[in-house]
Protein backbone atom coordinates (compact mmCIF):
# COMPACT_ATOMS: atom_id res chain seq x y z
CA MET A 1 69.78 94.59 49.49
CA ASN A 2 69.71 97.61 51.29
CA ASN A 3 68.56 98.45 55.03
CA ILE A 4 65.28 100.04 54.65
CA GLN A 5 63.42 102.21 57.01
CA TYR A 6 59.67 102.97 57.77
CA PRO A 7 58.45 106.50 59.63
CA TYR A 8 55.47 106.14 62.11
CA TYR A 9 52.01 106.75 60.73
CA ALA A 10 52.00 110.37 63.20
CA LEU A 11 48.42 110.78 63.12
CA LYS A 12 47.51 107.11 63.90
CA LEU A 13 49.71 107.01 66.40
CA TRP A 14 49.49 110.36 68.15
CA ILE A 15 45.37 109.66 68.05
CA ASP A 16 45.89 105.80 69.51
CA SER A 17 48.53 107.22 72.24
CA PHE A 18 46.22 110.46 72.89
CA ILE A 19 42.99 108.07 73.55
CA PHE A 20 45.21 105.64 75.49
CA LEU A 21 46.87 107.66 77.50
CA LEU A 22 43.29 109.98 78.56
CA ILE A 23 41.35 106.98 79.30
CA PHE A 24 43.75 105.36 81.37
CA SER A 25 45.57 108.26 83.45
CA GLY A 26 42.00 109.71 83.66
CA MET A 27 40.92 106.52 85.42
CA ILE A 28 43.92 106.30 87.38
CA ILE A 29 43.14 110.05 88.66
CA LEU A 30 39.68 109.11 89.09
CA PHE A 31 40.42 106.05 91.51
CA LEU A 32 42.76 107.92 93.92
CA LEU A 33 40.29 110.80 94.24
CA ALA A 34 37.82 108.46 95.23
CA ASP A 35 36.08 108.47 98.10
CA ASN A 36 36.17 105.36 99.13
CA GLN A 37 39.94 104.77 99.91
CA PRO A 38 42.00 102.82 100.59
CA LEU A 39 40.00 100.48 97.52
CA GLY A 40 40.49 103.31 95.23
CA ILE A 41 44.39 103.57 95.74
CA ILE A 42 44.35 99.93 95.43
CA ALA A 43 42.28 99.73 92.13
CA ALA A 44 44.49 102.41 91.06
CA LEU A 45 47.83 100.38 91.25
CA ILE A 46 46.15 97.40 89.75
CA LEU A 47 45.37 99.10 86.59
CA LEU A 48 48.82 101.16 86.97
CA THR A 49 50.69 97.52 87.04
CA ILE A 50 48.67 96.46 84.24
CA THR A 51 48.92 99.14 82.27
CA GLY A 52 52.43 100.76 83.12
CA ARG A 53 54.32 98.59 80.40
CA HIS A 54 52.07 99.63 77.66
CA PHE A 55 52.17 103.61 78.95
CA ARG A 56 55.99 103.17 79.14
CA LYS A 57 56.23 101.73 75.25
CA THR A 58 52.93 104.66 74.08
CA THR A 59 55.83 107.18 75.47
CA LYS A 60 58.72 105.72 73.70
CA ASN A 61 56.91 105.34 70.28
CA LEU A 62 55.60 109.00 70.59
CA TYR A 63 59.11 109.88 71.50
CA ARG A 64 60.62 108.23 68.44
CA ASN A 65 58.19 109.62 66.28
CA LEU A 66 59.29 113.50 67.57
CA LYS A 67 62.65 112.58 66.57
CA LYS A 68 62.32 111.44 63.43
CA ARG A 69 63.45 107.67 64.11
CA PRO A 70 62.36 104.82 62.27
CA ALA A 71 58.87 102.47 63.39
CA LEU A 72 60.62 99.60 61.43
CA GLU A 73 63.86 98.83 59.95
CA LEU A 74 64.53 95.90 57.40
CA THR A 75 68.72 95.02 57.70
CA GLU A 76 70.61 91.98 56.70
CA GLY A 77 70.61 90.12 59.46
CA TYR A 78 66.98 90.49 60.80
CA LEU A 79 63.48 93.45 60.93
CA PHE A 80 63.56 95.43 63.58
CA ASP A 81 60.34 96.22 65.18
CA HIS A 82 60.74 99.81 66.84
CA ILE A 83 57.32 99.93 68.30
CA ASN A 84 57.73 96.54 70.17
CA ASN A 85 61.68 96.36 70.64
CA ILE A 86 61.85 93.80 68.69
CA LYS A 87 64.38 91.69 66.11
CA ILE A 88 62.80 89.11 64.43
CA TYR A 89 65.47 87.36 62.48
CA TRP A 90 65.76 86.06 58.67
CA HIS A 91 66.47 82.43 59.94
CA ASN A 92 64.01 82.43 62.29
CA ILE A 93 60.94 83.17 59.69
CA ASP A 94 59.21 79.80 58.76
CA LYS A 95 56.20 82.08 57.19
CA LEU A 96 54.93 84.93 56.97
CA GLY A 97 51.09 86.90 55.94
CA ILE A 98 49.20 89.87 56.20
CA ILE A 99 46.31 89.91 58.43
CA THR A 100 43.51 92.70 59.80
CA ILE A 101 42.31 92.58 63.29
CA LYS A 102 40.02 95.19 64.50
CA GLY A 103 41.00 97.53 61.54
CA ASN A 104 44.34 97.67 62.37
CA THR A 105 46.50 94.79 60.13
CA TYR A 106 49.65 93.35 61.00
CA VAL A 107 52.30 91.00 59.55
CA ASN A 108 51.94 87.56 61.03
CA PHE A 109 54.91 85.43 61.51
CA VAL A 110 55.28 81.88 62.18
CA LEU A 111 58.89 81.42 63.89
CA ARG A 112 61.01 78.20 63.75
CA ASP A 113 62.37 78.86 67.28
CA LYS A 114 59.72 80.71 69.56
CA THR A 115 63.06 80.98 72.45
CA GLU A 116 65.03 83.04 70.23
CA TYR A 117 62.17 85.77 70.09
CA SER A 118 60.55 85.38 74.09
CA LYS A 119 64.06 86.38 75.09
CA GLN A 120 63.80 89.32 74.19
CA LEU A 121 60.18 90.07 75.00
CA ASP A 122 59.49 92.66 78.16
CA GLY A 123 57.41 90.98 81.19
CA PHE A 124 57.38 88.31 83.30
CA LEU A 125 53.65 87.94 82.16
CA SER A 126 54.75 88.62 78.37
CA LYS A 127 57.55 85.54 78.43
CA ILE A 128 55.20 82.93 81.02
CA LEU A 129 52.65 83.15 78.22
CA PHE A 130 54.93 82.47 75.03
CA LYS A 131 56.47 79.28 76.34
CA LEU A 132 53.36 77.62 77.16
CA PRO A 133 52.76 74.34 75.13
CA ASP A 134 51.39 75.44 71.65
CA PRO A 135 49.90 73.95 68.62
CA GLU A 136 52.24 73.52 65.54
CA GLU A 137 52.60 77.10 64.65
CA LEU A 138 53.66 79.26 67.04
CA SER A 139 53.26 83.13 65.48
CA THR A 140 53.81 86.11 66.19
CA LYS A 141 52.60 89.76 65.08
CA ILE A 142 54.21 93.31 64.14
CA GLU A 143 51.24 95.93 63.80
CA ILE A 144 52.33 97.80 60.67
CA SER A 145 49.15 100.21 60.51
CA LEU A 146 51.51 102.41 63.15
CA VAL A 147 54.03 102.41 60.28
CA LYS A 148 53.80 105.42 57.10
CA GLY A 149 53.31 104.06 53.40
CA ARG A 150 50.11 101.55 51.93
CA ASN A 151 50.23 98.04 54.60
CA GLU A 152 50.41 95.77 51.41
CA ASP A 153 53.58 97.77 50.51
CA ILE A 154 55.23 97.31 53.63
CA TYR A 155 54.31 93.87 53.35
CA ASN A 156 55.69 92.77 50.12
CA SER A 157 58.93 94.86 51.55
CA ILE A 158 59.23 92.67 54.15
CA TYR A 159 58.12 89.61 51.99
CA LYS A 160 61.08 90.33 49.35
CA PHE A 161 63.68 90.67 52.04
CA ARG A 162 62.78 87.66 53.74
CA GLU A 163 62.49 85.45 50.79
CA ALA A 164 66.26 87.20 49.12
CA LYS A 165 67.25 86.19 52.92
CA LYS A 166 66.21 82.63 52.28
CA LEU A 167 67.91 82.23 48.48
CA TYR A 168 70.64 83.60 49.98
CA ASN A 169 70.91 81.65 53.52
CA PHE A 170 69.38 78.29 52.74
């Protein structure tokens, strides 16, 4: 199978990013300009700490979209989610499905080995939360509503790619 690349769904990406950047940048500026200092500075730093990783991820995705780079890439060895900067190896996927949460569509992956996945996660809190005891099946998800194309078609491509890998590798 050849590699498949999916571009960003630019309209949704830019609208979501604009709303996020406007709200949180506005809140940080309001906290910094508040009369109750140094409480405002402390609140701004806390908010910046909480949203900093998401802010970097948002600006990286906007830059990738401007440079016409793919959001999602299916290769012979793995699925690369450029939105979250994560590789999910085909051999590590036990099951997959499609879910919708608050109007956003995701491909849900049940992984065989969570340590292979958790090594790629950014941020201390993400790594800790992913290593906590979990139910029988550990899953992760990729938001495909930020990827250009019909969600069902994208899911079917991922499913077919994974099934082809399953036939050849297992």
